[in-house]
PDB file of N, CA and C in Angstrom:
ATOM      1  N   MET A   1       0.831  -1.175   0.000  1.00  0.00           N
ATOM      2  CA  MET A   1       0.000   0.000   0.000  1.00  0.00           C
ATOM      3  C   MET A   1       0.881   1.247   0.000  1.00  0.00           C
ATOM      4  N   SER A   2       0.649   2.189  -0.877  1.00  0.00           N
ATOM      5  CA  SER A   2       1.439   3.418  -0.895  1.00  0.00           C
ATOM      6  C   SER A   2       0.851   4.422   0.088  1.00  0.00           C
ATOM      7  N   LEU A   3       1.624   5.459   0.352  1.00  0.00           N
ATOM      8  CA  LEU A   3       1.143   6.505   1.257  1.00  0.00           C
ATOM      9  C   LEU A   3      -0.084   7.193   0.689  1.00  0.00           C
ATOM     10  N   GLN A   4      -0.109   7.393  -0.630  1.00  0.00           N
ATOM     11  CA  GLN A   4      -1.263   8.048  -1.232  1.00  0.00           C
ATOM     12  C   GLN A   4      -2.512   7.195  -1.086  1.00  0.00           C
ATOM     13  N   GLN A   5      -2.354   5.887  -1.118  1.00  0.00           N
ATOM     14  CA  GLN A   5      -3.501   5.014  -0.950  1.00  0.00           C
ATOM     15  C   GLN A   5      -4.035   5.077   0.472  1.00  0.00           C
ATOM     16  N   GLN A   6      -3.191   5.465   1.426  1.00  0.00           N
ATOM     17  CA  GLN A   6      -3.620   5.561   2.819  1.00  0.00           C
ATOM     18  C   GLN A   6      -4.234   6.924   3.109  1.00  0.00           C
ATOM     19  N   GLY A   7      -4.396   7.759   2.096  1.00  0.00           N
ATOM     20  CA  GLY A   7      -5.034   9.055   2.287  1.00  0.00           C
ATOM     21  C   GLY A   7      -4.069  10.167   2.641  1.00  0.00           C
ATOM     22  N   GLN A   8      -2.766   9.915   2.595  1.00  0.00           N
ATOM     23  CA  GLN A   8      -1.784  10.949   2.897  1.00  0.00           C
ATOM     24  C   GLN A   8      -1.236  11.507   1.595  1.00  0.00           C
ATOM     25  N   GLN A   9      -0.888  12.777   1.615  1.00  0.00           N
ATOM     26  CA  GLN A   9      -0.318  13.413   0.434  1.00  0.00           C
ATOM     27  C   GLN A   9       1.183  13.182   0.391  1.00  0.00           C
ATOM     28  N   GLU A  10       1.715  13.183  -0.815  1.00  0.00           N
ATOM     29  CA  GLU A  10       3.151  13.062  -1.004  1.00  0.00           C
ATOM     30  C   GLU A  10       3.812  14.370  -0.554  1.00  0.00           C
ATOM     31  N   GLN A  11       4.954  14.280   0.116  1.00  0.00           N
ATOM     32  CA  GLN A  11       5.648  15.484   0.584  1.00  0.00           C
ATOM     33  C   GLN A  11       6.302  16.194  -0.588  1.00  0.00           C
ATOM     34  N   THR A  12       6.209  17.522  -0.582  1.00  0.00           N
ATOM     35  CA  THR A  12       6.829  18.350  -1.606  1.00  0.00           C
ATOM     36  C   THR A  12       7.890  19.209  -0.946  1.00  0.00           C
ATOM     37  N   THR A  13       9.090  19.200  -1.494  1.00  0.00           N
ATOM     38  CA  THR A  13      10.172  20.031  -0.971  1.00  0.00           C
ATOM     39  C   THR A  13       9.912  21.473  -1.351  1.00  0.00           C
ATOM     40  N   LEU A  14       9.830  22.347  -0.351  1.00  0.00           N
ATOM     41  CA  LEU A  14       9.601  23.768  -0.600  1.00  0.00           C
ATOM     42  C   LEU A  14      10.901  24.525  -0.833  1.00  0.00           C
ATOM     43  N   TYR A  15      11.974  24.075  -0.192  1.00  0.00           N
ATOM     44  CA  TYR A  15      13.269  24.742  -0.340  1.00  0.00           C
ATOM     45  C   TYR A  15      14.364  23.723  -0.123  1.00  0.00           C
ATOM     46  N   GLN A  16      15.385  23.801  -0.939  1.00  0.00           N
ATOM     47  CA  GLN A  16      16.574  22.990  -0.735  1.00  0.00           C
ATOM     48  C   GLN A  16      17.782  23.861  -1.041  1.00  0.00           C
ATOM     49  N   MET A  17      18.686  23.957  -0.069  1.00  0.00           N
ATOM     50  CA  MET A  17      19.854  24.808  -0.222  1.00  0.00           C
ATOM     51  C   MET A  17      20.766  24.280  -1.324  1.00  0.00           C
ATOM     52  N   ASP A  18      21.274  25.211  -2.108  1.00  0.00           N
ATOM     53  CA  ASP A  18      22.237  24.884  -3.139  1.00  0.00           C
ATOM     54  C   ASP A  18      23.487  24.284  -2.487  1.00  0.00           C
ATOM     55  N   PRO A  19      24.039  23.195  -3.020  1.00  0.00           N
ATOM     56  CA  PRO A  19      25.222  22.572  -2.412  1.00  0.00           C
ATOM     57  C   PRO A  19      26.412  23.520  -2.262  1.00  0.00           C
ATOM     58  N   ALA A  20      26.626  24.425  -3.214  1.00  0.00           N
ATOM     59  CA  ALA A  20      27.736  25.380  -3.109  1.00  0.00           C
ATOM     60  C   ALA A  20      27.509  26.347  -1.949  1.00  0.00           C
ATOM     61  N   THR A  21      26.274  26.793  -1.779  1.00  0.00           N
ATOM     62  CA  THR A  21      25.939  27.677  -0.661  1.00  0.00           C
ATOM     63  C   THR A  21      26.129  26.949   0.660  1.00  0.00           C
ATOM     64  N   MET A  22      25.685  25.695   0.715  1.00  0.00           N
ATOM     65  CA  MET A  22      25.850  24.900   1.922  1.00  0.00           C
ATOM     66  C   MET A  22      27.331  24.753   2.271  1.00  0.00           C
ATOM     67  N   HIS A  23      28.160  24.502   1.271  1.00  0.00           N
ATOM     68  CA  HIS A  23      29.603  24.372   1.497  1.00  0.00           C
ATOM     69  C   HIS A  23      30.191  25.686   2.024  1.00  0.00           C
ATOM     70  N   ASN A  24      29.795  26.818   1.434  1.00  0.00           N
ATOM     71  CA  ASN A  24      30.294  28.129   1.880  1.00  0.00           C
ATOM     72  C   ASN A  24      29.871  28.426   3.315  1.00  0.00           C
ATOM     73  N   LEU A  25      28.616  28.175   3.644  1.00  0.00           N
ATOM     74  CA  LEU A  25      28.142  28.412   5.009  1.00  0.00           C
ATOM     75  C   LEU A  25      28.864  27.525   6.012  1.00  0.00           C
ATOM     76  N   LYS A  26      29.072  26.274   5.664  1.00  0.00           N
ATOM     77  CA  LYS A  26      29.790  25.354   6.551  1.00  0.00           C
ATOM     78  C   LYS A  26      31.217  25.827   6.770  1.00  0.00           C
ATOM     79  N   SER A  27      31.858  26.301   5.707  1.00  0.00           N
ATOM     80  CA  SER A  27      33.221  26.821   5.815  1.00  0.00           C
ATOM     81  C   SER A  27      33.289  28.048   6.730  1.00  0.00           C
ATOM     82  N   ILE A  28      32.343  28.959   6.559  1.00  0.00           N
ATOM     83  CA  ILE A  28      32.283  30.159   7.411  1.00  0.00           C
ATOM     84  C   ILE A  28      32.023  29.759   8.857  1.00  0.00           C
ATOM     85  N   GLN A  29      31.089  28.838   9.058  1.00  0.00           N
ATOM     86  CA  GLN A  29      30.753  28.377  10.404  1.00  0.00           C
ATOM     87  C   GLN A  29      31.969  27.747  11.077  1.00  0.00           C
ATOM     88  N   ASP A  30      32.707  26.915  10.368  1.00  0.00           N
ATOM     89  CA  ASP A  30      33.907  26.278  10.928  1.00  0.00           C
ATOM     90  C   ASP A  30      34.969  27.318  11.283  1.00  0.00           C
ATOM     91  N   HIS A  31      35.141  28.309  10.413  1.00  0.00           N
ATOM     92  CA  HIS A  31      36.120  29.378  10.656  1.00  0.00           C
ATOM     93  C   HIS A  31      35.746  30.179  11.903  1.00  0.00           C
ATOM     94  N   MET A  32      34.470  30.557  12.001  1.00  0.00           N
ATOM     95  CA  MET A  32      34.023  31.333  13.159  1.00  0.00           C
ATOM     96  C   MET A  32      34.123  30.511  14.440  1.00  0.00           C
ATOM     97  N   ALA A  33      33.825  29.232  14.371  1.00  0.00           N
ATOM     98  CA  ALA A  33      33.916  28.369  15.553  1.00  0.00           C
ATOM     99  C   ALA A  33      35.350  28.282  16.043  1.00  0.00           C
ATOM    100  N   SER A  34      36.314  28.190  15.116  1.00  0.00           N
ATOM    101  CA  SER A  34      37.721  28.115  15.531  1.00  0.00           C
ATOM    102  C   SER A  34      38.172  29.428  16.160  1.00  0.00           C
ATOM    103  N   ILE A  35      37.692  30.554  15.645  1.00  0.00           N
ATOM    104  CA  ILE A  35      38.011  31.856  16.250  1.00  0.00           C
ATOM    105  C   ILE A  35      37.417  31.939  17.660  1.00  0.00           C
ATOM    106  N   CYS A  36      36.164  31.530  17.792  1.00  0.00           N
ATOM    107  CA  CYS A  36      35.497  31.601  19.096  1.00  0.00           C
ATOM    108  C   CYS A  36      36.181  30.717  20.128  1.00  0.00           C
ATOM    109  N   LYS A  37      36.623  29.534  19.732  1.00  0.00           N
ATOM    110  CA  LYS A  37      37.248  28.609  20.682  1.00  0.00           C
ATOM    111  C   LYS A  37      38.517  29.186  21.298  1.00  0.00           C
ATOM    112  N   ILE A  38      39.269  29.988  20.552  1.00  0.00           N
ATOM    113  CA  ILE A  38      40.503  30.547  21.121  1.00  0.00           C
ATOM    114  C   ILE A  38      40.242  31.808  21.939  1.00  0.00           C
ATOM    115  N   HIS A  39      38.996  32.300  21.911  1.00  0.00           N
ATOM    116  CA  HIS A  39      38.660  33.507  22.671  1.00  0.00           C
ATOM    117  C   HIS A  39      37.617  33.244  23.758  1.00  0.00           C
ATOM    118  N   VAL A  40      37.475  31.988  24.165  1.00  0.00           N
ATOM    119  CA  VAL A  40      36.558  31.644  25.255  1.00  0.00           C
ATOM    120  C   VAL A  40      37.012  32.363  26.530  1.00  0.00           C
ATOM    121  N   ASN A  41      36.050  32.781  27.336  1.00  0.00           N
ATOM    122  CA  ASN A  41      36.269  33.504  28.596  1.00  0.00           C
ATOM    123  C   ASN A  41      36.802  34.917  28.392  1.00  0.00           C
ATOM    124  N   LYS A  42      36.510  35.497  27.236  1.00  0.00           N
ATOM    125  CA  LYS A  42      36.858  36.896  26.970  1.00  0.00           C
ATOM    126  C   LYS A  42      35.579  37.681  26.739  1.00  0.00           C
ATOM    127  N   LEU A  43      35.633  38.972  27.099  1.00  0.00           N
ATOM    128  CA  LEU A  43      34.492  39.850  26.862  1.00  0.00           C
ATOM    129  C   LEU A  43      34.441  40.208  25.376  1.00  0.00           C
ATOM    130  N   VAL A  44      33.244  40.095  24.811  1.00  0.00           N
ATOM    131  CA  VAL A  44      33.070  40.376  23.385  1.00  0.00           C
ATOM    132  C   VAL A  44      31.807  41.198  23.152  1.00  0.00           C
ATOM    133  N   ARG A  45      31.791  41.838  21.996  1.00  0.00           N
ATOM    134  CA  ARG A  45      30.588  42.503  21.492  1.00  0.00           C
ATOM    135  C   ARG A  45      30.215  41.755  20.218  1.00  0.00           C
ATOM    136  N   VAL A  46      28.960  41.345  20.125  1.00  0.00           N
ATOM    137  CA  VAL A  46      28.481  40.578  18.982  1.00  0.00           C
ATOM    138  C   VAL A  46      27.365  41.362  18.312  1.00  0.00           C
ATOM    139  N   GLU A  47      27.453  41.496  16.999  1.00  0.00           N
ATOM    140  CA  GLU A  47      26.383  42.129  16.236  1.00  0.00           C
ATOM    141  C   GLU A  47      25.825  41.111  15.253  1.00  0.00           C
ATOM    142  N   THR A  48      24.507  40.989  15.224  1.00  0.00           N
ATOM    143  CA  THR A  48      23.862  40.053  14.312  1.00  0.00           C
ATOM    144  C   THR A  48      23.579  40.734  12.976  1.00  0.00           C
ATOM    145  N   VAL A  49      23.278  39.952  11.958  1.00  0.00           N
ATOM    146  CA  VAL A  49      22.957  40.530  10.655  1.00  0.00           C
ATOM    147  C   VAL A  49      21.661  41.331  10.715  1.00  0.00           C
ATOM    148  N   ASP A  50      20.838  41.111  11.741  1.00  0.00           N
ATOM    149  CA  ASP A  50      19.600  41.881  11.918  1.00  0.00           C
ATOM    150  C   ASP A  50      19.820  43.186  12.674  1.00  0.00           C
ATOM    151  N   GLY A  51      21.066  43.448  13.097  1.00  0.00           N
ATOM    152  CA  GLY A  51      21.383  44.697  13.778  1.00  0.00           C
ATOM    153  C   GLY A  51      21.343  44.648  15.289  1.00  0.00           C
ATOM    154  N   ASP A  52      21.031  43.515  15.892  1.00  0.00           N
ATOM    155  CA  ASP A  52      21.051  43.395  17.348  1.00  0.00           C
ATOM    156  C   ASP A  52      22.503  43.353  17.822  1.00  0.00           C
ATOM    157  N   VAL A  53      22.789  44.018  18.941  1.00  0.00           N
ATOM    158  CA  VAL A  53      24.138  44.052  19.496  1.00  0.00           C
ATOM    159  C   VAL A  53      24.080  43.547  20.934  1.00  0.00           C
ATOM    160  N   PHE A  54      24.981  42.620  21.260  1.00  0.00           N
ATOM    161  CA  PHE A  54      25.062  42.059  22.610  1.00  0.00           C
ATOM    162  C   PHE A  54      26.498  42.120  23.079  1.00  0.00           C
ATOM    163  N   GLU A  55      26.699  42.411  24.355  1.00  0.00           N
ATOM    164  CA  GLU A  55      28.021  42.386  24.972  1.00  0.00           C
ATOM    165  C   GLU A  55      27.977  41.413  26.131  1.00  0.00           C
ATOM    166  N   GLY A  56      29.026  40.610  26.237  1.00  0.00           N
ATOM    167  CA  GLY A  56      29.072  39.661  27.327  1.00  0.00           C
ATOM    168  C   GLY A  56      30.310  38.798  27.252  1.00  0.00           C
ATOM    169  N   LEU A  57      30.319  37.769  28.065  1.00  0.00           N
ATOM    170  CA  LEU A  57      31.445  36.852  28.162  1.00  0.00           C
ATOM    171  C   LEU A  57      31.190  35.670  27.240  1.00  0.00           C
ATOM    172  N   LEU A  58      32.110  35.432  26.325  1.00  0.00           N
ATOM    173  CA  LEU A  58      32.002  34.283  25.426  1.00  0.00           C
ATOM    174  C   LEU A  58      32.347  33.047  26.254  1.00  0.00           C
ATOM    175  N   ILE A  59      31.361  32.209  26.519  1.00  0.00           N
ATOM    176  CA  ILE A  59      31.608  31.073  27.415  1.00  0.00           C
ATOM    177  C   ILE A  59      31.752  29.737  26.696  1.00  0.00           C
ATOM    178  N   HIS A  60      31.252  29.650  25.456  1.00  0.00           N
ATOM    179  CA  HIS A  60      31.347  28.365  24.754  1.00  0.00           C
ATOM    180  C   HIS A  60      30.931  28.547  23.300  1.00  0.00           C
ATOM    181  N   SER A  61      31.441  27.698  22.442  1.00  0.00           N
ATOM    182  CA  SER A  61      31.019  27.658  21.047  1.00  0.00           C
ATOM    183  C   SER A  61      31.024  26.202  20.596  1.00  0.00           C
ATOM    184  N   GLU A  62      29.886  25.766  20.066  1.00  0.00           N
ATOM    185  CA  GLU A  62      29.774  24.370  19.661  1.00  0.00           C
ATOM    186  C   GLU A  62      28.649  24.210  18.644  1.00  0.00           C
ATOM    187  N   ARG A  63      28.906  23.415  17.592  1.00  0.00           N
ATOM    188  CA  ARG A  63      27.922  23.061  16.579  1.00  0.00           C
ATOM    189  C   ARG A  63      27.185  24.258  16.005  1.00  0.00           C
ATOM    190  N   GLY A  64      27.922  25.308  15.684  1.00  0.00           N
ATOM    191  CA  GLY A  64      27.321  26.470  15.050  1.00  0.00           C
ATOM    192  C   GLY A  64      26.624  27.426  15.986  1.00  0.00           C
ATOM    193  N   ILE A  65      26.787  27.225  17.302  1.00  0.00           N
ATOM    194  CA  ILE A  65      26.147  28.093  18.293  1.00  0.00           C
ATOM    195  C   ILE A  65      27.227  28.722  19.179  1.00  0.00           C
ATOM    196  N   LEU A  66      27.129  30.034  19.371  1.00  0.00           N
ATOM    197  CA  LEU A  66      28.002  30.762  20.287  1.00  0.00           C
ATOM    198  C   LEU A  66      27.184  31.044  21.547  1.00  0.00           C
ATOM    199  N   TYR A  67      27.740  30.764  22.715  1.00  0.00           N
ATOM    200  CA  TYR A  67      27.047  30.988  23.985  1.00  0.00           C
ATOM    201  C   TYR A  67      27.675  32.184  24.680  1.00  0.00           C
ATOM    202  N   LEU A  68      26.872  33.206  24.891  1.00  0.00           N
ATOM    203  CA  LEU A  68      27.325  34.469  25.450  1.00  0.00           C
ATOM    204  C   LEU A  68      26.628  34.706  26.784  1.00  0.00           C
ATOM    205  N   ARG A  69      27.425  34.868  27.871  1.00  0.00           N
ATOM    206  CA  ARG A  69      26.835  35.179  29.178  1.00  0.00           C
ATOM    207  C   ARG A  69      26.702  36.692  29.268  1.00  0.00           C
ATOM    208  N   LEU A  70      25.455  37.145  29.380  1.00  0.00           N
ATOM    209  CA  LEU A  70      25.174  38.571  29.488  1.00  0.00           C
ATOM    210  C   LEU A  70      25.336  39.022  30.933  1.00  0.00           C
ATOM    211  N   PRO A  71      25.796  40.254  31.148  1.00  0.00           N
ATOM    212  CA  PRO A  71      25.869  40.777  32.523  1.00  0.00           C
ATOM    213  C   PRO A  71      24.468  40.833  33.137  1.00  0.00           C
ATOM    214  N   SER A  72      24.397  40.784  34.468  1.00  0.00           N
ATOM    215  CA  SER A  72      23.091  40.739  35.136  1.00  0.00           C
ATOM    216  C   SER A  72      22.233  41.955  34.815  1.00  0.00           C
ATOM    217  N   GLN A  73      22.835  43.147  34.587  1.00  0.00           N
ATOM    218  CA  GLN A  73      22.023  44.322  34.267  1.00  0.00           C
ATOM    219  C   GLN A  73      21.396  44.209  32.881  1.00  0.00           C
ATOM    220  N   MET A  74      21.931  43.334  32.000  1.00  0.00           N
ATOM    221  CA  MET A  74      21.340  43.139  30.683  1.00  0.00           C
ATOM    222  C   MET A  74      20.359  41.972  30.676  1.00  0.00           C
ATOM    223  N   ALA A  75      20.197  41.286  31.810  1.00  0.00           N
ATOM    224  CA  ALA A  75      19.344  40.094  31.844  1.00  0.00           C
ATOM    225  C   ALA A  75      17.921  40.415  31.438  1.00  0.00           C
ATOM    226  N   SER A  76      17.427  41.613  31.799  1.00  0.00           N
ATOM    227  CA  SER A  76      16.063  41.951  31.418  1.00  0.00           C
ATOM    228  C   SER A  76      15.938  42.083  29.910  1.00  0.00           C
ATOM    229  N   ARG A  77      17.020  42.485  29.236  1.00  0.00           N
ATOM    230  CA  ARG A  77      17.009  42.540  27.779  1.00  0.00           C
ATOM    231  C   ARG A  77      17.178  41.139  27.204  1.00  0.00           C
ATOM    232  N   GLY A  78      17.747  40.247  27.995  1.00  0.00           N
ATOM    233  CA  GLY A  78      18.005  38.884  27.548  1.00  0.00           C
ATOM    234  C   GLY A  78      16.802  37.973  27.717  1.00  0.00           C
ATOM    235  N   PHE A  79      15.607  38.533  27.636  1.00  0.00           N
ATOM    236  CA  PHE A  79      14.369  37.759  27.598  1.00  0.00           C
ATOM    237  C   PHE A  79      13.933  37.182  28.934  1.00  0.00           C
ATOM    238  N   VAL A  80      14.636  37.465  30.021  1.00  0.00           N
ATOM    239  CA  VAL A  80      14.231  36.949  31.323  1.00  0.00           C
ATOM    240  C   VAL A  80      14.285  38.099  32.328  1.00  0.00           C
ATOM    241  N   PRO A  81      13.237  38.934  32.406  1.00  0.00           N
ATOM    242  CA  PRO A  81      13.250  40.082  33.318  1.00  0.00           C
ATOM    243  C   PRO A  81      13.490  39.663  34.767  1.00  0.00           C
ATOM    244  N   GLY A  82      14.386  40.379  35.438  1.00  0.00           N
ATOM    245  CA  GLY A  82      14.646  40.144  36.845  1.00  0.00           C
ATOM    246  C   GLY A  82      15.581  38.994  37.145  1.00  0.00           C
ATOM    247  N   PHE A  83      16.073  38.301  36.158  1.00  0.00           N
ATOM    248  CA  PHE A  83      16.998  37.187  36.366  1.00  0.00           C
ATOM    249  C   PHE A  83      18.345  37.753  36.779  1.00  0.00           C
ATOM    250  N   GLN A  84      18.851  37.417  37.956  1.00  0.00           N
ATOM    251  CA  GLN A  84      19.985  38.117  38.549  1.00  0.00           C
ATOM    252  C   GLN A  84      21.355  37.488  38.317  1.00  0.00           C
ATOM    253  N   SER A  85      21.443  36.245  37.903  1.00  0.00           N
ATOM    254  CA  SER A  85      22.753  35.606  37.860  1.00  0.00           C
ATOM    255  C   SER A  85      23.419  35.672  36.492  1.00  0.00           C
ATOM    256  N   GLY A  86      22.943  36.481  35.596  1.00  0.00           N
ATOM    257  CA  GLY A  86      23.503  36.546  34.252  1.00  0.00           C
ATOM    258  C   GLY A  86      22.828  35.514  33.378  1.00  0.00           C
ATOM    259  N   TYR A  87      22.511  35.890  32.186  1.00  0.00           N
ATOM    260  CA  TYR A  87      21.758  35.031  31.288  1.00  0.00           C
ATOM    261  C   TYR A  87      22.668  34.548  30.174  1.00  0.00           C
ATOM    262  N   VAL A  88      22.581  33.278  29.811  1.00  0.00           N
ATOM    263  CA  VAL A  88      23.365  32.737  28.714  1.00  0.00           C
ATOM    264  C   VAL A  88      22.515  32.805  27.454  1.00  0.00           C
ATOM    265  N   LEU A  89      23.007  33.546  26.485  1.00  0.00           N
ATOM    266  CA  LEU A  89      22.297  33.755  25.239  1.00  0.00           C
ATOM    267  C   LEU A  89      22.943  32.927  24.138  1.00  0.00           C
ATOM    268  N   PRO A  90      22.232  31.963  23.552  1.00  0.00           N
ATOM    269  CA  PRO A  90      22.784  31.214  22.428  1.00  0.00           C
ATOM    270  C   PRO A  90      22.569  31.999  21.135  1.00  0.00           C
ATOM    271  N   LEU A  91      23.607  32.139  20.342  1.00  0.00           N
ATOM    272  CA  LEU A  91      23.521  32.855  19.068  1.00  0.00           C
ATOM    273  C   LEU A  91      24.022  31.947  17.947  1.00  0.00           C
ATOM    274  N   VAL A  92      23.310  31.900  16.846  1.00  0.00           N
ATOM    275  CA  VAL A  92      23.698  31.069  15.710  1.00  0.00           C
ATOM    276  C   VAL A  92      24.838  31.754  14.967  1.00  0.00           C
ATOM    277  N   LEU A  93      25.942  31.029  14.755  1.00  0.00           N
ATOM    278  CA  LEU A  93      27.132  31.636  14.160  1.00  0.00           C
ATOM    279  C   LEU A  93      26.889  32.244  12.790  1.00  0.00           C
ATOM    280  N   PHE A  94      26.131  31.596  11.919  1.00  0.00           N
ATOM    281  CA  PHE A  94      25.975  32.155  10.588  1.00  0.00           C
ATOM    282  C   PHE A  94      25.061  33.380  10.562  1.00  0.00           C
ATOM    283  N   ASN A  95      24.443  33.720  11.693  1.00  0.00           N
ATOM    284  CA  ASN A  95      23.607  34.913  11.797  1.00  0.00           C
ATOM    285  C   ASN A  95      24.373  36.104  12.371  1.00  0.00           C
ATOM    286  N   LEU A  96      25.682  35.922  12.605  1.00  0.00           N
ATOM    287  CA  LEU A  96      26.479  36.983  13.208  1.00  0.00           C
ATOM    288  C   LEU A  96      27.209  37.789  12.145  1.00  0.00           C
ATOM    289  N   LEU A  97      27.218  39.094  12.330  1.00  0.00           N
ATOM    290  CA  LEU A  97      27.906  39.992  11.416  1.00  0.00           C
ATOM    291  C   LEU A  97      29.326  40.262  11.911  1.00  0.00           C
ATOM    292  N   THR A  98      29.454  40.588  13.196  1.00  0.00           N
ATOM    293  CA  THR A  98      30.775  40.844  13.773  1.00  0.00           C
ATOM    294  C   THR A  98      30.867  40.272  15.179  1.00  0.00           C
ATOM    295  N   ILE A  99      32.087  39.925  15.558  1.00  0.00           N
ATOM    296  CA  ILE A  99      32.431  39.552  16.935  1.00  0.00           C
ATOM    297  C   ILE A  99      33.688  40.335  17.244  1.00  0.00           C
ATOM    298  N   SER A 100      33.634  41.201  18.261  1.00  0.00           N
ATOM    299  CA  SER A 100      34.768  42.055  18.604  1.00  0.00           C
ATOM    300  C   SER A 100      35.167  41.841  20.054  1.00  0.00           C
ATOM    301  N   LEU A 101      36.465  41.829  20.317  1.00  0.00           N
ATOM    302  CA  LEU A 101      36.940  41.782  21.695  1.00  0.00           C
ATOM    303  C   LEU A 101      36.746  43.130  22.339  1.00  0.00           C
ATOM    304  N   LEU A 102      36.390  43.135  23.626  1.00  0.00           N
ATOM    305  CA  LEU A 102      36.242  44.396  24.374  1.00  0.00           C
ATOM    306  C   LEU A 102      37.437  44.616  25.265  1.00  0.00           C
TER     307      LEU A 102
END
């Protein structure tokens, strides 16, 4: 019995990334991850391609994600109002425009 016979529709791919683009993004992601790994435990300023700017302690980078500990006074901006111990903000590496040491 096929899926169509069971009353389900066949899946249609809406988007598939071009292999060359995928290779370029992976290369950029690997490069940024290696930079982040040597600057763990340093204060940084991060700007996203959408224009958001965050400052904090770079605490970890893994699998395309940068983990930034925000100071407690920025915790209310970090989506958790009143959280006092500093908030860890995960940021996707390919969405970052700049990472600067402070």
